[in-house]
């Protein structure tokens, strides 16, 4: 059984459950094997799990890779909407550029003093969702609230011919 957001459990609920398990584990690992090795292990494990979860979600969607990407973006906006304050800067068929001005997830991990793990769990997944579309979508972001910036600056460039 995989833990996922649903009508009964929100994405924030899932994130809080993950944090309750990961943070004590991370603290214990830091004491045993050090900060650097803990970071490497967590990054590899979380990245693998996130990519697998996203690939699994995409496999259950109909359509081309680009249509699956769009469906996942729509689902993400719906599921995460209550946690984010966003401002669309530009939206054309070839470009989606928006800023996240406030993020309850970043606030949670900042309060816990664990923004690096928060970034691994949440922020890094934005790039993995773009991978669903293959070469048709290029994702970039230069900063995040989780890292202490004033906002997250998302940019998805879409080449429908790829």
C-alpha atoms as a PDB file:
ATOM      1  CA  UNK A   1       0.000   0.000   0.000  1.00  0.00           C
ATOM      2  CA  UNK A   2       1.311   3.419  -0.968  1.00  0.00           C
ATOM      3  CA  UNK A   3       0.561   6.519   1.051  1.00  0.00           C
ATOM      4  CA  UNK A   4      -0.950   9.141  -1.236  1.00  0.00           C
ATOM      5  CA  UNK A   5      -3.233  12.123  -1.043  1.00  0.00           C
ATOM      6  CA  UNK A   6      -6.916  11.305  -1.504  1.00  0.00           C
ATOM      7  CA  UNK A   7     -10.278  12.653  -0.484  1.00  0.00           C
ATOM      8  CA  UNK A   8      -9.559  11.491   3.067  1.00  0.00           C
ATOM      9  CA  UNK A   9      -5.922  12.540   3.391  1.00  0.00           C
ATOM     10  CA  UNK A  10      -4.379  15.741   2.054  1.00  0.00           C
ATOM     11  CA  UNK A  11      -0.936  16.205   0.586  1.00  0.00           C
ATOM     12  CA  UNK A  12      -0.042  18.156   3.728  1.00  0.00           C
ATOM     13  CA  UNK A  13      -1.108  15.161   5.835  1.00  0.00           C
ATOM     14  CA  UNK A  14       1.162  12.905   3.768  1.00  0.00           C
ATOM     15  CA  UNK A  15       4.069  15.337   4.151  1.00  0.00           C
ATOM     16  CA  UNK A  16       3.596  15.544   7.918  1.00  0.00           C
ATOM     17  CA  UNK A  17       3.557  11.752   8.194  1.00  0.00           C
ATOM     18  CA  UNK A  18       6.716  11.523   6.101  1.00  0.00           C
ATOM     19  CA  UNK A  19       8.396  14.145   8.300  1.00  0.00           C
ATOM     20  CA  UNK A  20       7.443  12.280  11.479  1.00  0.00           C
ATOM     21  CA  UNK A  21       9.310   9.233  10.178  1.00  0.00           C
ATOM     22  CA  UNK A  22      12.206  10.821   8.295  1.00  0.00           C
ATOM     23  CA  UNK A  23      13.324  13.507  10.716  1.00  0.00           C
ATOM     24  CA  UNK A  24      14.066  11.230  13.699  1.00  0.00           C
ATOM     25  CA  UNK A  25      15.790   8.835  11.320  1.00  0.00           C
ATOM     26  CA  UNK A  26      17.875  11.654   9.851  1.00  0.00           C
ATOM     27  CA  UNK A  27      18.897  12.838  13.315  1.00  0.00           C
ATOM     28  CA  UNK A  28      19.945   9.327  14.348  1.00  0.00           C
ATOM     29  CA  UNK A  29      21.896   8.836  11.129  1.00  0.00           C
ATOM     30  CA  UNK A  30      23.680  12.167  11.559  1.00  0.00           C
ATOM     31  CA  UNK A  31      24.879  11.052  14.994  1.00  0.00           C
ATOM     32  CA  UNK A  32      26.020   7.650  13.705  1.00  0.00           C
ATOM     33  CA  UNK A  33      27.509   8.371  10.291  1.00  0.00           C
ATOM     34  CA  UNK A  34      27.773  12.151   9.997  1.00  0.00           C
ATOM     35  CA  UNK A  35      26.032  14.938   8.142  1.00  0.00           C
ATOM     36  CA  UNK A  36      27.478  14.359   4.668  1.00  0.00           C
ATOM     37  CA  UNK A  37      26.808  10.614   4.473  1.00  0.00           C
ATOM     38  CA  UNK A  38      23.305  11.094   5.900  1.00  0.00           C
ATOM     39  CA  UNK A  39      22.587  13.719   3.251  1.00  0.00           C
ATOM     40  CA  UNK A  40      23.823  11.395   0.493  1.00  0.00           C
ATOM     41  CA  UNK A  41      21.750   8.438   1.687  1.00  0.00           C
ATOM     42  CA  UNK A  42      18.571  10.453   2.197  1.00  0.00           C
ATOM     43  CA  UNK A  43      18.914  12.232  -1.137  1.00  0.00           C
ATOM     44  CA  UNK A  44      19.366   8.951  -3.027  1.00  0.00           C
ATOM     45  CA  UNK A  45      16.498   7.201  -1.229  1.00  0.00           C
ATOM     46  CA  UNK A  46      14.053  10.099  -1.466  1.00  0.00           C
ATOM     47  CA  UNK A  47      14.906  10.751  -5.118  1.00  0.00           C
ATOM     48  CA  UNK A  48      14.357   7.108  -6.041  1.00  0.00           C
ATOM     49  CA  UNK A  49      11.069   6.936  -4.123  1.00  0.00           C
ATOM     50  CA  UNK A  50       9.821  10.228  -5.585  1.00  0.00           C
ATOM     51  CA  UNK A  51      10.666   9.285  -9.159  1.00  0.00           C
ATOM     52  CA  UNK A  52       9.015   5.881  -8.695  1.00  0.00           C
ATOM     53  CA  UNK A  53       5.862   7.480  -7.242  1.00  0.00           C
ATOM     54  CA  UNK A  54       5.663   9.990 -10.097  1.00  0.00           C
ATOM     55  CA  UNK A  55       6.286   7.342 -12.778  1.00  0.00           C
ATOM     56  CA  UNK A  56       3.585   5.184 -11.177  1.00  0.00           C
ATOM     57  CA  UNK A  57       1.116   8.076 -11.241  1.00  0.00           C
ATOM     58  CA  UNK A  58       1.939   8.801 -14.896  1.00  0.00           C
ATOM     59  CA  UNK A  59       1.466   5.152 -15.898  1.00  0.00           C
ATOM     60  CA  UNK A  60      -2.115   5.294 -14.657  1.00  0.00           C
ATOM     61  CA  UNK A  61      -2.957   8.294 -16.832  1.00  0.00           C
ATOM     62  CA  UNK A  62      -4.169   8.204 -20.425  1.00  0.00           C
ATOM     63  CA  UNK A  63      -2.587  10.106 -23.274  1.00  0.00           C
ATOM     64  CA  UNK A  64       0.760  11.177 -24.611  1.00  0.00           C
ATOM     65  CA  UNK A  65       3.649  12.021 -22.280  1.00  0.00           C
ATOM     66  CA  UNK A  66       2.805  15.719 -22.647  1.00  0.00           C
ATOM     67  CA  UNK A  67      -0.871  15.070 -21.830  1.00  0.00           C
ATOM     68  CA  UNK A  68       0.181  13.045 -18.792  1.00  0.00           C
ATOM     69  CA  UNK A  69       2.421  15.916 -17.690  1.00  0.00           C
ATOM     70  CA  UNK A  70      -0.480  18.349 -18.044  1.00  0.00           C
ATOM     71  CA  UNK A  71      -2.783  16.062 -16.058  1.00  0.00           C
ATOM     72  CA  UNK A  72      -0.176  15.775 -13.307  1.00  0.00           C
ATOM     73  CA  UNK A  73       0.282  19.570 -13.221  1.00  0.00           C
ATOM     74  CA  UNK A  74      -3.494  19.984 -12.940  1.00  0.00           C
ATOM     75  CA  UNK A  75      -3.647  17.426 -10.114  1.00  0.00           C
ATOM     76  CA  UNK A  76      -0.741  19.097  -8.332  1.00  0.00           C
ATOM     77  CA  UNK A  77      -2.414  22.504  -8.565  1.00  0.00           C
ATOM     78  CA  UNK A  78      -5.624  21.045  -7.136  1.00  0.00           C
ATOM     79  CA  UNK A  79      -3.947  19.053  -4.345  1.00  0.00           C
ATOM     80  CA  UNK A  80      -1.402  21.706  -3.342  1.00  0.00           C
ATOM     81  CA  UNK A  81      -3.512  24.784  -3.995  1.00  0.00           C
ATOM     82  CA  UNK A  82      -4.542  25.291  -0.375  1.00  0.00           C
ATOM     83  CA  UNK A  83      -0.884  25.254   0.698  1.00  0.00           C
ATOM     84  CA  UNK A  84       0.461  27.709  -1.889  1.00  0.00           C
ATOM     85  CA  UNK A  85      -0.026  31.320  -2.859  1.00  0.00           C
ATOM     86  CA  UNK A  86       0.902  31.594  -6.525  1.00  0.00           C
ATOM     87  CA  UNK A  87       1.159  34.315  -9.121  1.00  0.00           C
ATOM     88  CA  UNK A  88       1.190  33.421 -12.824  1.00  0.00           C
ATOM     89  CA  UNK A  89       3.749  35.582 -14.614  1.00  0.00           C
ATOM     90  CA  UNK A  90       3.346  34.220 -18.132  1.00  0.00           C
ATOM     91  CA  UNK A  91       1.207  31.503 -19.682  1.00  0.00           C
ATOM     92  CA  UNK A  92       1.283  30.650 -23.356  1.00  0.00           C
ATOM     93  CA  UNK A  93       1.088  27.301 -25.187  1.00  0.00           C
ATOM     94  CA  UNK A  94       4.926  27.224 -25.072  1.00  0.00           C
ATOM     95  CA  UNK A  95       5.627  28.675 -21.640  1.00  0.00           C
ATOM     96  CA  UNK A  96       4.342  28.527 -18.099  1.00  0.00           C
ATOM     97  CA  UNK A  97       6.118  30.856 -15.703  1.00  0.00           C
ATOM     98  CA  UNK A  98       4.823  31.425 -12.188  1.00  0.00           C
ATOM     99  CA  UNK A  99       6.028  32.376  -8.735  1.00  0.00           C
ATOM    100  CA  UNK A 100       5.048  30.787  -5.468  1.00  0.00           C
ATOM    101  CA  UNK A 101       4.847  33.662  -2.985  1.00  0.00           C
ATOM    102  CA  UNK A 102       4.064  31.590   0.112  1.00  0.00           C
ATOM    103  CA  UNK A 103       4.249  27.883   0.822  1.00  0.00           C
ATOM    104  CA  UNK A 104       2.912  26.077   3.885  1.00  0.00           C
ATOM    105  CA  UNK A 105       5.308  23.185   3.186  1.00  0.00           C
ATOM    106  CA  UNK A 106       8.316  25.509   3.373  1.00  0.00           C
ATOM    107  CA  UNK A 107       6.928  27.062   6.545  1.00  0.00           C
ATOM    108  CA  UNK A 108       6.577  23.593   8.094  1.00  0.00           C
ATOM    109  CA  UNK A 109      10.144  22.505   7.323  1.00  0.00           C
ATOM    110  CA  UNK A 110      11.563  25.897   8.295  1.00  0.00           C
ATOM    111  CA  UNK A 111       9.827  25.587  11.673  1.00  0.00           C
ATOM    112  CA  UNK A 112      11.287  22.077  12.020  1.00  0.00           C
ATOM    113  CA  UNK A 113      14.753  23.318  11.055  1.00  0.00           C
ATOM    114  CA  UNK A 114      14.906  20.727   8.264  1.00  0.00           C
ATOM    115  CA  UNK A 115      14.598  22.626   4.999  1.00  0.00           C
ATOM    116  CA  UNK A 116      17.090  20.405   3.194  1.00  0.00           C
ATOM    117  CA  UNK A 117      14.906  17.347   3.806  1.00  0.00           C
ATOM    118  CA  UNK A 118      11.840  19.405   2.898  1.00  0.00           C
ATOM    119  CA  UNK A 119      13.459  20.315  -0.417  1.00  0.00           C
ATOM    120  CA  UNK A 120      14.285  16.659  -1.080  1.00  0.00           C
ATOM    121  CA  UNK A 121      10.707  15.579  -0.315  1.00  0.00           C
ATOM    122  CA  UNK A 122       8.887  18.357  -2.117  1.00  0.00           C
ATOM    123  CA  UNK A 123      10.860  20.785  -4.242  1.00  0.00           C
ATOM    124  CA  UNK A 124      12.981  18.240  -6.085  1.00  0.00           C
ATOM    125  CA  UNK A 125       9.833  16.460  -7.263  1.00  0.00           C
ATOM    126  CA  UNK A 126       8.905  19.386  -9.506  1.00  0.00           C
ATOM    127  CA  UNK A 127      11.700  18.408 -11.889  1.00  0.00           C
ATOM    128  CA  UNK A 128      10.641  14.755 -11.806  1.00  0.00           C
ATOM    129  CA  UNK A 129       7.106  15.682 -12.891  1.00  0.00           C
ATOM    130  CA  UNK A 130       8.580  17.528 -15.896  1.00  0.00           C
ATOM    131  CA  UNK A 131      10.474  14.342 -16.787  1.00  0.00           C
ATOM    132  CA  UNK A 132       7.112  12.628 -17.406  1.00  0.00           C
ATOM    133  CA  UNK A 133       6.809  14.651 -20.630  1.00  0.00           C
ATOM    134  CA  UNK A 134      10.260  13.595 -21.793  1.00  0.00           C
ATOM    135  CA  UNK A 135      12.080  16.144 -23.948  1.00  0.00           C
ATOM    136  CA  UNK A 136       8.851  18.095 -24.578  1.00  0.00           C
ATOM    137  CA  UNK A 137       9.161  19.978 -21.269  1.00  0.00           C
ATOM    138  CA  UNK A 138      12.149  21.806 -19.877  1.00  0.00           C
ATOM    139  CA  UNK A 139      11.895  22.795 -16.206  1.00  0.00           C
ATOM    140  CA  UNK A 140      13.938  25.446 -14.455  1.00  0.00           C
ATOM    141  CA  UNK A 141      13.830  27.200 -11.116  1.00  0.00           C
ATOM    142  CA  UNK A 142      16.581  29.328  -9.631  1.00  0.00           C
ATOM    143  CA  UNK A 143      15.291  29.692  -6.087  1.00  0.00           C
ATOM    144  CA  UNK A 144      12.783  28.379  -3.564  1.00  0.00           C
ATOM    145  CA  UNK A 145      11.093  29.538  -0.406  1.00  0.00           C
ATOM    146  CA  UNK A 146      12.346  26.308   1.169  1.00  0.00           C
ATOM    147  CA  UNK A 147      15.915  27.584   0.603  1.00  0.00           C
ATOM    148  CA  UNK A 148      15.033  30.919   2.174  1.00  0.00           C
ATOM    149  CA  UNK A 149      14.342  32.932  -1.001  1.00  0.00           C
ATOM    150  CA  UNK A 150      11.531  35.468  -1.232  1.00  0.00           C
ATOM    151  CA  UNK A 151       9.637  33.208  -3.661  1.00  0.00           C
ATOM    152  CA  UNK A 152       9.948  30.129  -5.876  1.00  0.00           C
ATOM    153  CA  UNK A 153      10.360  30.979  -9.557  1.00  0.00           C
ATOM    154  CA  UNK A 154       8.991  28.182 -11.745  1.00  0.00           C
ATOM    155  CA  UNK A 155       9.458  28.004 -15.496  1.00  0.00           C
ATOM    156  CA  UNK A 156       8.221  25.220 -17.748  1.00  0.00           C
ATOM    157  CA  UNK A 157       9.141  25.575 -21.439  1.00  0.00           C
ATOM    158  CA  UNK A 158       7.004  23.382 -23.635  1.00  0.00           C
ATOM    159  CA  UNK A 159       7.984  22.181 -27.109  1.00  0.00           C
ATOM    160  CA  UNK A 160       4.929  20.364 -28.430  1.00  0.00           C
ATOM    161  CA  UNK A 161       6.903  19.157 -31.452  1.00  0.00           C
ATOM    162  CA  UNK A 162       9.207  16.941 -29.405  1.00  0.00           C
END
